[in-house]
Amino acid sequence: MINKPQPGEYAPYAAGYVNKVPNGPVLEILDYLKDSTYNFFARMTDEQADYAYAEGKWTLKEVLGHMIDTERVFAFRALCFSRGEQQHFPGFDQEQYVQNSTFDSRTIQDLALEFKVVRESSLFLYRSLTEEQSLLKGTASNYSTSVRALVYMTAGHELYHLDLIKENYIK
C-alpha cells in the first residue's frame, strides 16, 4: 500500500494535485480512473475532441495528450527515484510539449487507448514498489519529491484536468 505523502515530500505546486486525491487506496483509485477516463474520451467523436473552449486553450485531444505526457514524466521520475537515482531532473514546459506534439492529428480513440496503456504501465510500476521504495526521494524541478508523492500527483493531476474539462468543455 502506498500511503499519502506529507507536505514537504513534494513541490508547493503539487499540493493541489495531492489534495485532490480522495481517501482510499491510491492504486485502486488510479485503476478506477484508468477505465472511467478511457471510457469518457473513447466515446467522443473527433469533432468533439477537437473543441477548445477559448482561443489559445488546448483542445480536448491536447488535454488528454498532456495528461499522457505528464503521467509518463511522473512515472519515469518515480522509477528513477525508487532506484536511488541522485541526478536532478529538470521541469518540463507543458506548453512546449503540447505545441511540439501531434495530438490534434490523431484520433481521440487512439489517444484514449494510449492513455489506458500508459496507465497500465504506471500501475505495474507502482504496484511493484516496496514501502521503503515509495519513501525514497529525488529532486525534480528543484524540489525534493518522494516516489509516493509522484504516485499521488499522477492521480491528482488527472482529477484536476477532469474537473477543468467538466467546468470548461462540457456543455
N, C-alpha and C. Protein backbone atom coordinates (compact mmCIF):
# COMPACT_ATOMS: atom_id res chain seq x y z
N MET A 1 0.85 -1.19 0.00
CA MET A 1 0.00 0.00 0.00
C MET A 1 0.89 1.25 0.00
N ILE A 2 0.48 2.22 -0.75
CA ILE A 2 1.22 3.48 -0.84
C ILE A 2 0.44 4.53 -0.05
N ASN A 3 1.05 5.00 1.02
CA ASN A 3 0.39 5.98 1.88
C ASN A 3 0.52 7.38 1.31
N LYS A 4 -0.41 8.23 1.72
CA LYS A 4 -0.42 9.61 1.26
C LYS A 4 0.84 10.33 1.72
N PRO A 5 1.46 11.10 0.82
CA PRO A 5 2.68 11.82 1.20
C PRO A 5 2.36 12.98 2.13
N GLN A 6 3.37 13.38 2.86
CA GLN A 6 3.26 14.52 3.77
C GLN A 6 3.74 15.78 3.06
N PRO A 7 3.23 16.95 3.46
CA PRO A 7 3.80 18.19 2.92
C PRO A 7 5.31 18.17 3.15
N GLY A 8 6.03 18.66 2.19
CA GLY A 8 7.49 18.60 2.24
C GLY A 8 8.05 17.47 1.39
N GLU A 9 7.17 16.55 0.97
CA GLU A 9 7.59 15.47 0.07
C GLU A 9 7.34 15.83 -1.39
N TYR A 10 6.87 17.04 -1.63
CA TYR A 10 6.55 17.45 -2.99
C TYR A 10 6.61 18.97 -3.08
N ALA A 11 6.68 19.46 -4.30
CA ALA A 11 6.74 20.90 -4.55
C ALA A 11 5.43 21.56 -4.13
N PRO A 12 5.48 22.82 -3.74
CA PRO A 12 4.24 23.51 -3.36
C PRO A 12 3.15 23.45 -4.43
N TYR A 13 3.53 23.54 -5.72
CA TYR A 13 2.53 23.50 -6.79
C TYR A 13 1.79 22.17 -6.81
N ALA A 14 2.42 21.11 -6.32
CA ALA A 14 1.81 19.78 -6.38
C ALA A 14 0.80 19.54 -5.27
N ALA A 15 0.73 20.42 -4.29
CA ALA A 15 -0.22 20.24 -3.19
C ALA A 15 -1.65 20.16 -3.72
N GLY A 16 -1.96 20.96 -4.72
CA GLY A 16 -3.30 20.91 -5.30
C GLY A 16 -3.63 19.56 -5.90
N TYR A 17 -2.64 18.91 -6.48
CA TYR A 17 -2.85 17.57 -7.04
C TYR A 17 -3.00 16.54 -5.93
N VAL A 18 -2.08 16.54 -4.99
CA VAL A 18 -2.10 15.56 -3.90
C VAL A 18 -3.41 15.67 -3.12
N ASN A 19 -3.84 16.89 -2.85
CA ASN A 19 -5.06 17.10 -2.06
C ASN A 19 -6.34 16.77 -2.81
N LYS A 20 -6.29 16.65 -4.12
CA LYS A 20 -7.46 16.28 -4.92
C LYS A 20 -7.79 14.79 -4.80
N VAL A 21 -6.80 13.99 -4.41
CA VAL A 21 -6.99 12.54 -4.37
C VAL A 21 -7.86 12.19 -3.17
N PRO A 22 -8.99 11.51 -3.41
CA PRO A 22 -9.86 11.14 -2.29
C PRO A 22 -9.19 10.11 -1.38
N ASN A 23 -9.73 9.98 -0.18
CA ASN A 23 -9.23 8.95 0.74
C ASN A 23 -9.47 7.58 0.14
N GLY A 24 -8.55 6.68 0.40
CA GLY A 24 -8.67 5.33 -0.12
C GLY A 24 -7.37 4.90 -0.75
N PRO A 25 -7.29 3.63 -1.11
CA PRO A 25 -6.06 3.12 -1.73
C PRO A 25 -5.80 3.78 -3.08
N VAL A 26 -4.69 4.49 -3.18
CA VAL A 26 -4.41 5.28 -4.38
C VAL A 26 -4.29 4.40 -5.62
N LEU A 27 -3.78 3.19 -5.49
CA LEU A 27 -3.65 2.34 -6.67
C LEU A 27 -5.02 1.90 -7.18
N GLU A 28 -5.96 1.69 -6.28
CA GLU A 28 -7.33 1.37 -6.71
C GLU A 28 -7.97 2.59 -7.37
N ILE A 29 -7.68 3.75 -6.86
CA ILE A 29 -8.20 4.99 -7.46
C ILE A 29 -7.65 5.15 -8.87
N LEU A 30 -6.35 4.93 -9.03
CA LEU A 30 -5.73 5.02 -10.36
C LEU A 30 -6.32 3.99 -11.32
N ASP A 31 -6.58 2.80 -10.83
CA ASP A 31 -7.16 1.75 -11.67
C ASP A 31 -8.58 2.12 -12.09
N TYR A 32 -9.36 2.64 -11.16
CA TYR A 32 -10.72 3.09 -11.49
C TYR A 32 -10.68 4.24 -12.50
N LEU A 33 -9.81 5.21 -12.26
CA LEU A 33 -9.71 6.35 -13.17
C LEU A 33 -9.27 5.92 -14.56
N LYS A 34 -8.42 4.90 -14.63
CA LYS A 34 -7.97 4.39 -15.93
C LYS A 34 -9.17 4.06 -16.80
N ASP A 35 -10.11 3.30 -16.25
CA ASP A 35 -11.27 2.88 -17.04
C ASP A 35 -12.25 4.01 -17.27
N SER A 36 -12.53 4.81 -16.24
CA SER A 36 -13.52 5.87 -16.41
C SER A 36 -13.02 6.96 -17.36
N THR A 37 -11.75 7.31 -17.27
CA THR A 37 -11.20 8.33 -18.18
C THR A 37 -11.11 7.79 -19.59
N TYR A 38 -10.68 6.55 -19.73
CA TYR A 38 -10.65 5.93 -21.06
C TYR A 38 -12.04 5.97 -21.68
N ASN A 39 -13.05 5.52 -20.95
CA ASN A 39 -14.41 5.48 -21.49
C ASN A 39 -14.92 6.87 -21.84
N PHE A 40 -14.62 7.85 -21.00
CA PHE A 40 -15.05 9.22 -21.26
C PHE A 40 -14.53 9.71 -22.61
N PHE A 41 -13.25 9.54 -22.85
CA PHE A 41 -12.65 10.03 -24.10
C PHE A 41 -12.96 9.13 -25.29
N ALA A 42 -12.97 7.83 -25.10
CA ALA A 42 -13.18 6.90 -26.22
C ALA A 42 -14.57 7.03 -26.83
N ARG A 43 -15.52 7.55 -26.07
CA ARG A 43 -16.89 7.72 -26.57
C ARG A 43 -17.08 9.01 -27.36
N MET A 44 -16.07 9.86 -27.36
CA MET A 44 -16.16 11.13 -28.10
C MET A 44 -15.94 10.91 -29.58
N THR A 45 -16.46 11.83 -30.35
CA THR A 45 -16.09 11.89 -31.76
C THR A 45 -14.85 12.77 -31.88
N ASP A 46 -14.17 12.66 -33.01
CA ASP A 46 -13.02 13.55 -33.22
C ASP A 46 -13.45 15.00 -33.26
N GLU A 47 -14.62 15.25 -33.81
CA GLU A 47 -15.12 16.62 -33.85
C GLU A 47 -15.29 17.18 -32.43
N GLN A 48 -15.85 16.39 -31.54
CA GLN A 48 -15.99 16.83 -30.15
C GLN A 48 -14.62 17.04 -29.50
N ALA A 49 -13.69 16.14 -29.78
CA ALA A 49 -12.37 16.19 -29.15
C ALA A 49 -11.48 17.29 -29.72
N ASP A 50 -11.85 17.85 -30.86
CA ASP A 50 -11.10 18.96 -31.45
C ASP A 50 -11.53 20.31 -30.86
N TYR A 51 -12.47 20.29 -29.93
CA TYR A 51 -13.01 21.51 -29.34
C TYR A 51 -12.04 22.11 -28.31
N ALA A 52 -11.86 23.42 -28.40
CA ALA A 52 -11.18 24.20 -27.36
C ALA A 52 -12.15 25.29 -26.94
N TYR A 53 -12.29 25.53 -25.65
CA TYR A 53 -13.32 26.44 -25.16
C TYR A 53 -13.00 27.92 -25.38
N ALA A 54 -11.75 28.23 -25.73
CA ALA A 54 -11.37 29.62 -26.00
C ALA A 54 -10.12 29.63 -26.86
N GLU A 55 -9.90 30.76 -27.51
CA GLU A 55 -8.69 30.94 -28.32
C GLU A 55 -7.46 30.75 -27.44
N GLY A 56 -6.51 29.97 -27.92
CA GLY A 56 -5.29 29.74 -27.17
C GLY A 56 -5.36 28.64 -26.13
N LYS A 57 -6.55 28.07 -25.93
CA LYS A 57 -6.70 26.96 -24.99
C LYS A 57 -6.55 25.65 -25.74
N TRP A 58 -6.19 24.61 -25.02
CA TRP A 58 -5.99 23.31 -25.63
C TRP A 58 -7.30 22.67 -26.06
N THR A 59 -7.22 21.89 -27.13
CA THR A 59 -8.36 21.05 -27.50
C THR A 59 -8.42 19.89 -26.50
N LEU A 60 -9.54 19.18 -26.51
CA LEU A 60 -9.65 18.00 -25.65
C LEU A 60 -8.60 16.95 -26.00
N LYS A 61 -8.26 16.83 -27.27
CA LYS A 61 -7.18 15.91 -27.66
C LYS A 61 -5.87 16.35 -27.00
N GLU A 62 -5.61 17.64 -27.01
CA GLU A 62 -4.38 18.14 -26.41
C GLU A 62 -4.38 17.97 -24.90
N VAL A 63 -5.53 18.16 -24.27
CA VAL A 63 -5.62 17.93 -22.82
C VAL A 63 -5.28 16.48 -22.50
N LEU A 64 -5.89 15.56 -23.23
CA LEU A 64 -5.61 14.14 -22.98
C LEU A 64 -4.14 13.83 -23.28
N GLY A 65 -3.62 14.36 -24.36
CA GLY A 65 -2.21 14.15 -24.67
C GLY A 65 -1.30 14.68 -23.58
N HIS A 66 -1.64 15.84 -23.04
CA HIS A 66 -0.87 16.41 -21.93
C HIS A 66 -0.95 15.50 -20.71
N MET A 67 -2.11 14.94 -20.44
CA MET A 67 -2.25 14.01 -19.32
C MET A 67 -1.34 12.79 -19.51
N ILE A 68 -1.28 12.30 -20.73
CA ILE A 68 -0.41 11.15 -21.05
C ILE A 68 1.06 11.53 -20.85
N ASP A 69 1.46 12.66 -21.42
CA ASP A 69 2.85 13.10 -21.27
C ASP A 69 3.23 13.25 -19.80
N THR A 70 2.37 13.89 -19.04
CA THR A 70 2.66 14.14 -17.63
C THR A 70 2.75 12.84 -16.85
N GLU A 71 1.87 11.91 -17.14
CA GLU A 71 1.94 10.62 -16.46
C GLU A 71 3.26 9.92 -16.76
N ARG A 72 3.70 10.00 -17.99
CA ARG A 72 4.99 9.39 -18.34
C ARG A 72 6.14 10.05 -17.58
N VAL A 73 6.11 11.36 -17.48
CA VAL A 73 7.16 12.09 -16.75
C VAL A 73 7.14 11.68 -15.28
N PHE A 74 5.97 11.68 -14.65
CA PHE A 74 5.87 11.31 -13.24
C PHE A 74 6.33 9.87 -13.01
N ALA A 75 5.91 8.96 -13.88
CA ALA A 75 6.29 7.55 -13.72
C ALA A 75 7.80 7.37 -13.90
N PHE A 76 8.38 8.08 -14.87
CA PHE A 76 9.83 7.98 -15.07
C PHE A 76 10.57 8.48 -13.84
N ARG A 77 10.12 9.59 -13.29
CA ARG A 77 10.75 10.11 -12.08
C ARG A 77 10.60 9.11 -10.94
N ALA A 78 9.40 8.53 -10.79
CA ALA A 78 9.17 7.54 -9.73
C ALA A 78 10.10 6.34 -9.90
N LEU A 79 10.24 5.85 -11.11
CA LEU A 79 11.16 4.74 -11.38
C LEU A 79 12.58 5.11 -10.95
N CYS A 80 13.04 6.25 -11.42
CA CYS A 80 14.42 6.67 -11.12
C CYS A 80 14.64 6.86 -9.63
N PHE A 81 13.73 7.56 -8.96
CA PHE A 81 13.91 7.82 -7.53
C PHE A 81 13.82 6.52 -6.73
N SER A 82 12.96 5.59 -7.15
CA SER A 82 12.82 4.32 -6.43
C SER A 82 14.07 3.45 -6.58
N ARG A 83 14.88 3.75 -7.55
CA ARG A 83 16.13 3.01 -7.77
C ARG A 83 17.35 3.76 -7.22
N GLY A 84 17.08 4.85 -6.52
CA GLY A 84 18.15 5.58 -5.86
C GLY A 84 18.86 6.61 -6.71
N GLU A 85 18.27 6.99 -7.82
CA GLU A 85 18.89 7.99 -8.70
C GLU A 85 19.13 9.29 -7.94
N GLN A 86 20.31 9.85 -8.12
CA GLN A 86 20.67 11.10 -7.44
C GLN A 86 20.76 12.29 -8.38
N GLN A 87 20.61 12.06 -9.68
CA GLN A 87 20.62 13.17 -10.64
C GLN A 87 19.39 14.05 -10.42
N HIS A 88 19.56 15.34 -10.61
CA HIS A 88 18.44 16.27 -10.51
C HIS A 88 17.72 16.30 -11.86
N PHE A 89 16.39 16.22 -11.80
CA PHE A 89 15.59 16.22 -13.03
C PHE A 89 15.02 17.61 -13.26
N PRO A 90 15.13 18.10 -14.48
CA PRO A 90 14.56 19.42 -14.78
C PRO A 90 13.04 19.34 -14.83
N GLY A 91 12.41 20.49 -14.75
CA GLY A 91 10.98 20.54 -15.01
C GLY A 91 10.74 20.35 -16.49
N PHE A 92 9.49 20.40 -16.89
CA PHE A 92 9.20 20.34 -18.32
C PHE A 92 8.16 21.38 -18.65
N ASP A 93 8.28 21.96 -19.81
CA ASP A 93 7.40 23.03 -20.26
C ASP A 93 6.20 22.39 -20.96
N GLN A 94 5.09 22.32 -20.24
CA GLN A 94 3.92 21.64 -20.79
C GLN A 94 3.41 22.30 -22.06
N GLU A 95 3.51 23.59 -22.16
CA GLU A 95 3.07 24.28 -23.37
C GLU A 95 3.93 23.85 -24.57
N GLN A 96 5.23 23.77 -24.36
CA GLN A 96 6.14 23.35 -25.42
C GLN A 96 5.87 21.90 -25.81
N TYR A 97 5.62 21.05 -24.83
CA TYR A 97 5.35 19.65 -25.13
C TYR A 97 4.10 19.52 -26.00
N VAL A 98 3.05 20.24 -25.65
CA VAL A 98 1.81 20.17 -26.43
C VAL A 98 2.04 20.78 -27.81
N GLN A 99 2.70 21.91 -27.86
CA GLN A 99 2.96 22.58 -29.14
C GLN A 99 3.75 21.68 -30.09
N ASN A 100 4.66 20.90 -29.56
CA ASN A 100 5.51 20.04 -30.39
C ASN A 100 4.96 18.62 -30.55
N SER A 101 3.70 18.44 -30.19
CA SER A 101 3.08 17.12 -30.29
C SER A 101 2.29 16.99 -31.59
N THR A 102 1.76 15.81 -31.79
CA THR A 102 0.86 15.55 -32.92
C THR A 102 -0.52 15.14 -32.42
N PHE A 103 -0.87 15.55 -31.21
CA PHE A 103 -2.13 15.12 -30.62
C PHE A 103 -3.33 15.43 -31.50
N ASP A 104 -3.37 16.64 -32.07
CA ASP A 104 -4.53 17.04 -32.86
C ASP A 104 -4.66 16.30 -34.19
N SER A 105 -3.60 15.66 -34.64
CA SER A 105 -3.69 14.92 -35.90
C SER A 105 -4.07 13.45 -35.68
N ARG A 106 -4.21 13.07 -34.44
CA ARG A 106 -4.56 11.68 -34.10
C ARG A 106 -6.04 11.58 -33.77
N THR A 107 -6.56 10.36 -33.80
CA THR A 107 -7.96 10.19 -33.40
C THR A 107 -8.05 10.18 -31.88
N ILE A 108 -9.19 10.56 -31.38
CA ILE A 108 -9.38 10.55 -29.93
C ILE A 108 -9.37 9.12 -29.41
N GLN A 109 -9.84 8.18 -30.22
CA GLN A 109 -9.83 6.78 -29.79
C GLN A 109 -8.39 6.28 -29.64
N ASP A 110 -7.50 6.70 -30.53
CA ASP A 110 -6.09 6.33 -30.44
C ASP A 110 -5.46 6.91 -29.17
N LEU A 111 -5.74 8.17 -28.91
CA LEU A 111 -5.21 8.80 -27.70
C LEU A 111 -5.78 8.16 -26.44
N ALA A 112 -7.07 7.84 -26.46
CA ALA A 112 -7.68 7.19 -25.29
C ALA A 112 -7.02 5.85 -25.01
N LEU A 113 -6.77 5.09 -26.06
CA LEU A 113 -6.11 3.80 -25.88
C LEU A 113 -4.68 3.99 -25.35
N GLU A 114 -3.98 4.98 -25.88
CA GLU A 114 -2.63 5.25 -25.37
C GLU A 114 -2.68 5.60 -23.89
N PHE A 115 -3.65 6.42 -23.50
CA PHE A 115 -3.81 6.76 -22.09
C PHE A 115 -3.96 5.49 -21.24
N LYS A 116 -4.82 4.60 -21.69
CA LYS A 116 -5.09 3.37 -20.94
C LYS A 116 -3.83 2.51 -20.82
N VAL A 117 -3.09 2.38 -21.90
CA VAL A 117 -1.87 1.56 -21.90
C VAL A 117 -0.79 2.19 -21.01
N VAL A 118 -0.64 3.50 -21.09
CA VAL A 118 0.33 4.18 -20.24
C VAL A 118 -0.05 4.00 -18.77
N ARG A 119 -1.33 4.11 -18.45
CA ARG A 119 -1.78 3.91 -17.07
C ARG A 119 -1.49 2.48 -16.60
N GLU A 120 -1.74 1.50 -17.47
CA GLU A 120 -1.42 0.11 -17.10
C GLU A 120 0.06 -0.01 -16.77
N SER A 121 0.90 0.60 -17.58
CA SER A 121 2.34 0.56 -17.33
C SER A 121 2.68 1.22 -15.99
N SER A 122 2.09 2.37 -15.73
CA SER A 122 2.33 3.06 -14.46
C SER A 122 1.91 2.19 -13.28
N LEU A 123 0.75 1.54 -13.42
CA LEU A 123 0.25 0.69 -12.34
C LEU A 123 1.17 -0.49 -12.08
N PHE A 124 1.71 -1.09 -13.14
CA PHE A 124 2.67 -2.18 -12.93
C PHE A 124 3.86 -1.68 -12.11
N LEU A 125 4.38 -0.52 -12.47
CA LEU A 125 5.50 0.04 -11.72
C LEU A 125 5.10 0.32 -10.28
N TYR A 126 4.01 1.04 -10.08
CA TYR A 126 3.62 1.45 -8.74
C TYR A 126 3.30 0.25 -7.85
N ARG A 127 2.68 -0.78 -8.42
CA ARG A 127 2.37 -1.98 -7.63
C ARG A 127 3.62 -2.75 -7.23
N SER A 128 4.70 -2.58 -7.97
CA SER A 128 5.94 -3.31 -7.68
C SER A 128 6.76 -2.66 -6.57
N LEU A 129 6.40 -1.46 -6.17
CA LEU A 129 7.20 -0.73 -5.20
C LEU A 129 7.01 -1.26 -3.78
N THR A 130 8.11 -1.34 -3.05
CA THR A 130 8.01 -1.64 -1.62
C THR A 130 7.69 -0.34 -0.89
N GLU A 131 7.29 -0.47 0.36
CA GLU A 131 7.03 0.73 1.15
C GLU A 131 8.29 1.59 1.25
N GLU A 132 9.42 0.92 1.41
CA GLU A 132 10.69 1.65 1.51
C GLU A 132 10.98 2.42 0.22
N GLN A 133 10.73 1.80 -0.91
CA GLN A 133 10.96 2.49 -2.19
C GLN A 133 10.02 3.68 -2.34
N SER A 134 8.79 3.55 -1.86
CA SER A 134 7.82 4.65 -2.00
C SER A 134 8.24 5.88 -1.21
N LEU A 135 9.09 5.68 -0.20
CA LEU A 135 9.55 6.79 0.63
C LEU A 135 10.80 7.46 0.10
N LEU A 136 11.46 6.83 -0.86
CA LEU A 136 12.69 7.41 -1.42
C LEU A 136 12.38 8.73 -2.13
N LYS A 137 13.38 9.59 -2.14
CA LYS A 137 13.20 10.92 -2.74
C LYS A 137 14.27 11.21 -3.77
N GLY A 138 13.91 12.08 -4.66
CA GLY A 138 14.84 12.62 -5.63
C GLY A 138 14.49 14.08 -5.83
N THR A 139 15.20 14.72 -6.73
CA THR A 139 14.95 16.14 -6.99
C THR A 139 14.42 16.31 -8.40
N ALA A 140 13.26 16.96 -8.48
CA ALA A 140 12.64 17.28 -9.77
C ALA A 140 12.16 18.72 -9.71
N SER A 141 12.44 19.47 -10.75
CA SER A 141 12.05 20.88 -10.80
C SER A 141 12.55 21.65 -9.58
N ASN A 142 13.73 21.27 -9.10
CA ASN A 142 14.38 21.91 -7.95
C ASN A 142 13.69 21.66 -6.62
N TYR A 143 12.83 20.63 -6.55
CA TYR A 143 12.16 20.28 -5.30
C TYR A 143 12.40 18.82 -4.97
N SER A 144 12.63 18.56 -3.70
CA SER A 144 12.72 17.18 -3.23
C SER A 144 11.33 16.56 -3.35
N THR A 145 11.26 15.39 -3.98
CA THR A 145 9.98 14.75 -4.26
C THR A 145 10.09 13.27 -3.94
N SER A 146 9.12 12.75 -3.18
CA SER A 146 9.13 11.32 -2.87
C SER A 146 8.44 10.54 -3.98
N VAL A 147 8.76 9.27 -4.03
CA VAL A 147 8.11 8.39 -5.00
C VAL A 147 6.61 8.37 -4.76
N ARG A 148 6.21 8.24 -3.49
CA ARG A 148 4.76 8.17 -3.22
C ARG A 148 4.06 9.48 -3.58
N ALA A 149 4.77 10.59 -3.47
CA ALA A 149 4.17 11.86 -3.90
C ALA A 149 3.89 11.82 -5.39
N LEU A 150 4.80 11.26 -6.16
CA LEU A 150 4.60 11.17 -7.61
C LEU A 150 3.40 10.29 -7.96
N VAL A 151 3.18 9.24 -7.19
CA VAL A 151 2.00 8.38 -7.41
C VAL A 151 0.73 9.19 -7.17
N TYR A 152 0.70 9.92 -6.07
CA TYR A 152 -0.47 10.74 -5.77
C TYR A 152 -0.62 11.89 -6.77
N MET A 153 0.48 12.46 -7.19
CA MET A 153 0.43 13.52 -8.19
C MET A 153 -0.15 13.01 -9.50
N THR A 154 0.13 11.76 -9.84
CA THR A 154 -0.43 11.16 -11.06
C THR A 154 -1.95 11.18 -11.00
N ALA A 155 -2.50 10.70 -9.89
CA ALA A 155 -3.96 10.68 -9.73
C ALA A 155 -4.53 12.09 -9.64
N GLY A 156 -3.90 12.93 -8.86
CA GLY A 156 -4.42 14.29 -8.67
C GLY A 156 -4.36 15.13 -9.92
N HIS A 157 -3.32 14.95 -10.72
CA HIS A 157 -3.21 15.69 -11.98
C HIS A 157 -4.35 15.30 -12.91
N GLU A 158 -4.65 14.03 -12.97
CA GLU A 158 -5.77 13.57 -13.80
C GLU A 158 -7.08 14.16 -13.29
N LEU A 159 -7.32 14.09 -11.99
CA LEU A 159 -8.56 14.63 -11.42
C LEU A 159 -8.66 16.13 -11.66
N TYR A 160 -7.56 16.83 -11.56
CA TYR A 160 -7.53 18.27 -11.83
C TYR A 160 -8.01 18.56 -13.25
N HIS A 161 -7.48 17.83 -14.21
CA HIS A 161 -7.87 18.09 -15.60
C HIS A 161 -9.29 17.62 -15.89
N LEU A 162 -9.73 16.56 -15.27
CA LEU A 162 -11.12 16.13 -15.45
C LEU A 162 -12.07 17.19 -14.91
N ASP A 163 -11.72 17.81 -13.79
CA ASP A 163 -12.54 18.91 -13.27
C ASP A 163 -12.56 20.09 -14.23
N LEU A 164 -11.40 20.44 -14.80
CA LEU A 164 -11.34 21.54 -15.77
C LEU A 164 -12.18 21.23 -17.01
N ILE A 165 -12.16 19.99 -17.43
CA ILE A 165 -12.97 19.59 -18.59
C ILE A 165 -14.44 19.78 -18.28
N LYS A 166 -14.87 19.34 -17.10
CA LYS A 166 -16.28 19.49 -16.72
C LYS A 166 -16.68 20.95 -16.64
N GLU A 167 -15.79 21.79 -16.14
CA GLU A 167 -16.09 23.21 -15.98
C GLU A 167 -16.08 23.98 -17.30
N ASN A 168 -15.17 23.63 -18.21
CA ASN A 168 -14.94 24.47 -19.39
C ASN A 168 -15.30 23.85 -20.74
N TYR A 169 -15.39 22.55 -20.82
CA TYR A 169 -15.58 21.91 -22.12
C TYR A 169 -16.95 21.27 -22.28
N ILE A 170 -17.53 20.82 -21.19
CA ILE A 170 -18.79 20.09 -21.27
C ILE A 170 -19.94 21.07 -21.11
N LYS A 171 -20.82 21.05 -22.11
CA LYS A 171 -21.96 21.98 -22.07
C LYS A 171 -23.25 21.22 -21.91
